[in-house]
């Protein structure tokens, strides 16, 4: 019999240790070491076979070849993948439970009619998947579903079906007999992913892995899983809102700056081709505390509303509540307003919300945030048709931002009449063909005078 011993693995990075340690020696995280049973046959490995030796080549002698891609039915998914699903690639799609990962994958593969697809489900029964397919209104005769959690049995099904696309839902439920630990453990996730990667590279079949995220928001299991796969796609969004964002964290075959936006409907996920129209309110009534900012997600510009509410503190200690924006950055902007502009907000509650449930990290939204806060403080509405984009510095200056031409064109396309931007941000850009009025400001006070003069 194989001798069984204990090893300690880090849940964060996958590093192993023969004994418990409070702090991981590899990544430095505290309290992440977990004990797992490891068989000695796992350490010895199998008898090695002679592999053909590769030959070193000069860079100039290597022939550049484009990777053959499978065009997915969803254009948003194609954009995030970099143009489609690359043959022989291993792609990980992560997200919170119930966010729509399985729905996104299922409605795409059921629309592919020219490929044989094997969908391995380790969490749901075939009946549940059938009900979901009926709900989203998709049927397919070339998609095979099997409910299995054993890696060895999965490879038997692969040998029988000979799929052209393989989906595993989810990787945390799959286990191999070669390792004596429960499914979802560090060693199981790492070994199963490595075996599936080997299959994908040898056969040229693209493999889609669906994975969970933990309470910290990262992919559950070891960090080494992200190093094994070719692409990591994060599916995120608040389940209380209808919008979902698919962004690329890692992509060996494309850019990590792209993102896709979906809307959760009764019949599945619908692509949002123009997110600006969805994120802006179409009310004719002018309300105080609302400013429209032009932001970028990756390389994609869109307009979004920053909503603020400033009121007198009722309980002595002022509240600072932020949704969809960095709370520390908002506190910095409040300090700039008080120190540089002279608005006293120390004894006032400040509530900030980015409309649509999106989380925005673009510093160019600073100008819209402080304008919304000021508009609520003085109870004056910002005129219709005005948007803004600019980063606010600690001295109250408006700093230049990136991709200003794309932002201006997006604002013009949405029917905005005026855009406020940082001064000297238009160097080398031809604005003669633009119909939108461009106002340049260098200080926060100048922007306030334009809006409330």
Foldseek 3Di string as FASTA:
>chain_A
DWDKDKWWAFFEAGDIDNDDDQADPPPGDGPRIDIWIWTVCLVVDDDDDDDDDDDDDDPVPDDDDAFDFDAWPDPQVCVQQARHHGFLFEEEEEEAPPLAPVLVVVVGVLPDAPWQEEEEAQDDDPVVVVVLCVQLVGHYDRYHYDYDQELVVVVVVCVVSVGQEYEYHALQRHAYPNTPGHRNAQVRSVVSLQVVSVVRNVVRRYYYHYFYADPVGHTGHHPCSVVSGQWYWYWDFDPVFFKIKIFTPHHNNHDRLRMWMWGQDRSGTHGDPAVQVVQDDPDPDFFALKAWEWFGRRNDIHIWIKGKAKAFDPPQAAAEEEAQEDSVVVVLLVLLCCPQVNDDRRRIHMYIYTTRRHRDDGQQCSLNNSRSHVRNVVGHGFDPLEHETFHADNNQWTDADPPVVNRLVNSVVVPRQEYEGAPPNQPPHDCPPPRHHYHHDTGSVVVVVVGPD
